Amino acid sequence: MTAAFPHTSTMTAVLLTANGAPLQTTSVDRPVAGVGQVLVRIRAAGLNPLDAKIRAGKAGHAQAQLPAVLGIDMAGVVEATGSGVSGFNATLWVGFMAPASTPKPIVDKLHDEITKILRRPDIKQAWEKTGATPIVMTQPEFKSFMDSQVAKWAEVIKTNHIAPIN
């Protein structure tokens, strides 16, 4: 196992103790990266629709043994890797898109205004506090990036025989 941060024995987590119950912030034992696992020091997390289904007890394909730590969507820094993990590199990114039929002047205006916002020092600082780095791309650069992401993750899915979840 490799470690980038000093070891602590506990962490703060949002815990679900029973289906439909209020979420609780609590201290839990810090996990250890096992074989084939990655441990991430989370800087920001959010609950998504799957977490809501798990909380309601209505996620047939993602049943959680309670108590459970929710928060599938997160951003952070890899703290440790278990044996068998190498070449790990995953990023979360956000992009703005419009329907293909959107007139070019409107797309250009949206791009220009979003770019102004992302270049504001207060916005950059707020994103960086969560471990995110705002990157501005031209439309062709973003298309190229999207194409590379589709190819990358298609290969991961194929290589690891990952089946779709319905």
Protein backbone atom coordinates (compact mmCIF):
# COMPACT_ATOMS: atom_id res chain seq x y z
CA MET A 1 0.00 0.00 0.00
CA THR A 2 1.22 3.51 -0.77
CA ALA A 3 0.18 6.48 1.33
CA ALA A 4 0.30 10.20 0.58
CA PHE A 5 -1.14 11.55 3.85
CA PRO A 6 -0.45 10.81 7.49
CA HIS A 7 -2.50 7.97 8.94
CA THR A 8 -5.52 8.81 11.06
CA SER A 9 -7.66 6.14 12.66
CA THR A 10 -11.05 7.77 12.09
CA MET A 11 -12.89 9.85 9.50
CA THR A 12 -16.10 11.86 9.34
CA ALA A 13 -18.89 10.27 7.32
CA VAL A 14 -22.57 10.73 6.53
CA LEU A 15 -24.22 7.58 7.85
CA LEU A 16 -27.57 5.98 7.04
CA THR A 17 -28.66 3.78 9.96
CA ALA A 18 -32.12 2.73 8.70
CA ASN A 19 -34.09 3.12 5.49
CA GLY A 20 -35.92 6.45 5.51
CA ALA A 21 -34.08 7.65 8.63
CA PRO A 22 -32.37 11.06 8.77
CA LEU A 23 -28.73 11.01 7.73
CA GLN A 24 -26.24 11.44 10.56
CA THR A 25 -22.75 12.93 10.52
CA THR A 26 -20.52 10.73 12.64
CA SER A 27 -16.97 9.53 13.17
CA VAL A 28 -16.21 6.06 11.78
CA ASP A 29 -13.11 3.89 11.51
CA ARG A 30 -10.91 4.91 8.60
CA PRO A 31 -10.92 2.18 5.93
CA VAL A 32 -7.76 0.56 4.60
CA ALA A 33 -7.22 0.10 0.86
CA GLY A 34 -7.47 -3.63 0.23
CA VAL A 35 -6.40 -5.66 -2.80
CA GLY A 36 -7.54 -3.86 -5.95
CA GLN A 37 -8.94 -0.88 -4.01
CA VAL A 38 -8.19 2.83 -3.88
CA LEU A 39 -8.59 4.98 -0.75
CA VAL A 40 -9.51 8.61 -1.47
CA ARG A 41 -9.27 11.51 0.98
CA ILE A 42 -12.54 13.23 0.09
CA ARG A 43 -12.64 17.02 -0.14
CA ALA A 44 -16.23 17.30 -1.36
CA ALA A 45 -19.08 14.83 -1.68
CA GLY A 46 -22.68 14.92 -2.72
CA LEU A 47 -25.67 12.65 -2.54
CA ASN A 48 -27.08 11.71 -5.92
CA PRO A 49 -30.37 10.07 -6.97
CA LEU A 50 -28.98 6.57 -6.32
CA ASP A 51 -28.15 7.59 -2.74
CA ALA A 52 -31.77 8.76 -2.34
CA LYS A 53 -33.02 5.38 -3.59
CA ILE A 54 -30.66 3.54 -1.23
CA ARG A 55 -31.90 5.69 1.66
CA ALA A 56 -35.52 4.87 0.75
CA GLY A 57 -34.70 1.15 0.43
CA LYS A 58 -35.74 1.22 -3.24
CA ALA A 59 -32.42 0.63 -5.04
CA GLY A 60 -32.91 -2.97 -6.13
CA HIS A 61 -29.50 -3.23 -7.80
CA ALA A 62 -27.62 -1.35 -5.05
CA GLN A 63 -28.82 -2.70 -1.73
CA ALA A 64 -26.76 -1.35 1.16
CA GLN A 65 -26.14 -3.25 4.37
CA LEU A 66 -27.04 -0.75 7.09
CA PRO A 67 -25.53 1.19 8.66
CA ALA A 68 -23.98 2.49 5.43
CA VAL A 69 -21.92 5.48 4.36
CA LEU A 70 -23.57 7.27 1.45
CA GLY A 71 -22.03 9.75 -0.97
CA ILE A 72 -21.17 8.09 -4.26
CA ASP A 73 -20.28 11.38 -5.96
CA MET A 74 -17.05 12.79 -4.57
CA ALA A 75 -13.87 14.67 -5.34
CA GLY A 76 -10.59 14.20 -3.55
CA VAL A 77 -7.04 12.96 -3.59
CA VAL A 78 -5.89 9.34 -3.73
CA GLU A 79 -4.42 8.63 -0.30
CA ALA A 80 -3.54 4.97 -0.66
CA THR A 81 -3.73 2.11 -3.13
CA GLY A 82 -4.03 -1.55 -2.36
CA SER A 83 -1.92 -4.22 -4.01
CA GLY A 84 -2.76 -4.84 -7.63
CA VAL A 85 -3.59 -1.19 -8.33
CA SER A 86 -1.33 0.53 -10.81
CA GLY A 87 -1.69 3.27 -13.37
CA PHE A 88 -4.80 4.58 -11.63
CA ASN A 89 -6.00 7.87 -13.06
CA ALA A 90 -9.60 9.02 -12.93
CA THR A 91 -10.95 12.51 -12.94
CA LEU A 92 -14.35 14.08 -12.56
CA TRP A 93 -15.14 16.78 -15.05
CA VAL A 94 -18.06 19.02 -15.85
CA GLY A 95 -18.88 20.38 -19.27
CA PHE A 96 -21.65 22.51 -20.68
CA MET A 97 -23.41 21.32 -23.83
CA ALA A 98 -26.29 22.49 -25.98
CA PRO A 99 -28.45 20.66 -28.51
CA ALA A 100 -26.81 20.31 -31.94
CA SER A 101 -29.49 22.57 -33.43
CA THR A 102 -28.55 25.52 -31.19
CA PRO A 103 -27.53 28.50 -33.36
CA LYS A 104 -23.76 29.18 -33.30
CA PRO A 105 -24.14 32.77 -31.98
CA ILE A 106 -25.98 31.42 -28.92
CA VAL A 107 -23.37 28.69 -28.35
CA ASP A 108 -20.60 31.29 -28.68
CA LYS A 109 -22.34 33.64 -26.22
CA LEU A 110 -22.80 30.83 -23.68
CA HIS A 111 -19.14 29.83 -24.05
CA ASP A 112 -17.96 33.43 -23.59
CA GLU A 113 -20.10 34.04 -20.48
CA ILE A 114 -19.22 30.71 -18.85
CA THR A 115 -15.54 31.39 -19.56
CA LYS A 116 -15.80 34.80 -17.84
CA ILE A 117 -17.34 33.16 -14.78
CA LEU A 118 -14.74 30.37 -14.59
CA ARG A 119 -11.88 32.85 -14.81
CA ARG A 120 -13.13 34.89 -11.84
CA PRO A 121 -10.66 34.55 -8.93
CA ASP A 122 -13.45 33.91 -6.39
CA ILE A 123 -14.89 31.10 -8.51
CA LYS A 124 -11.47 29.52 -9.10
CA GLN A 125 -10.73 29.71 -5.36
CA ALA A 126 -14.09 28.16 -4.41
CA TRP A 127 -13.56 25.27 -6.84
CA GLU A 128 -9.99 24.71 -5.70
CA LYS A 129 -11.15 24.38 -2.07
CA THR A 130 -13.06 21.26 -3.18
CA GLY A 131 -10.09 19.84 -5.04
CA ALA A 132 -11.37 20.95 -8.45
CA THR A 133 -9.47 22.98 -11.01
CA PRO A 134 -11.57 24.92 -13.51
CA ILE A 135 -10.18 24.52 -17.01
CA VAL A 136 -11.49 26.54 -19.92
CA MET A 137 -11.46 24.88 -23.34
CA THR A 138 -12.43 25.99 -26.81
CA GLN A 139 -15.31 24.09 -28.36
CA PRO A 140 -12.98 21.97 -30.57
CA GLU A 141 -10.74 21.23 -27.55
CA PHE A 142 -13.76 20.09 -25.53
CA LYS A 143 -14.97 17.84 -28.38
CA SER A 144 -11.51 16.27 -28.59
CA PHE A 145 -11.48 15.80 -24.79
CA MET A 146 -14.96 14.21 -24.86
CA ASP A 147 -13.90 11.84 -27.65
CA SER A 148 -10.83 10.79 -25.62
CA GLN A 149 -12.97 10.16 -22.52
CA VAL A 150 -15.42 7.98 -24.46
CA ALA A 151 -12.52 5.95 -25.87
CA LYS A 152 -10.79 5.66 -22.46
CA TRP A 153 -13.84 4.47 -20.54
CA ALA A 154 -15.07 2.20 -23.35
CA GLU A 155 -11.72 0.40 -23.08
CA VAL A 156 -12.00 0.16 -19.27
CA ILE A 157 -15.51 -1.29 -19.60
CA LYS A 158 -14.43 -3.77 -22.29
CA THR A 159 -11.23 -4.88 -20.53
CA ASN A 160 -12.99 -5.42 -17.20
CA HIS A 161 -16.15 -7.02 -18.65
CA ILE A 162 -18.38 -4.48 -16.91
CA ALA A 163 -22.06 -5.12 -17.57
CA PRO A 164 -24.60 -2.29 -17.73
CA ILE A 165 -26.81 -1.69 -14.70
CA ASN A 166 -30.50 -1.32 -15.49
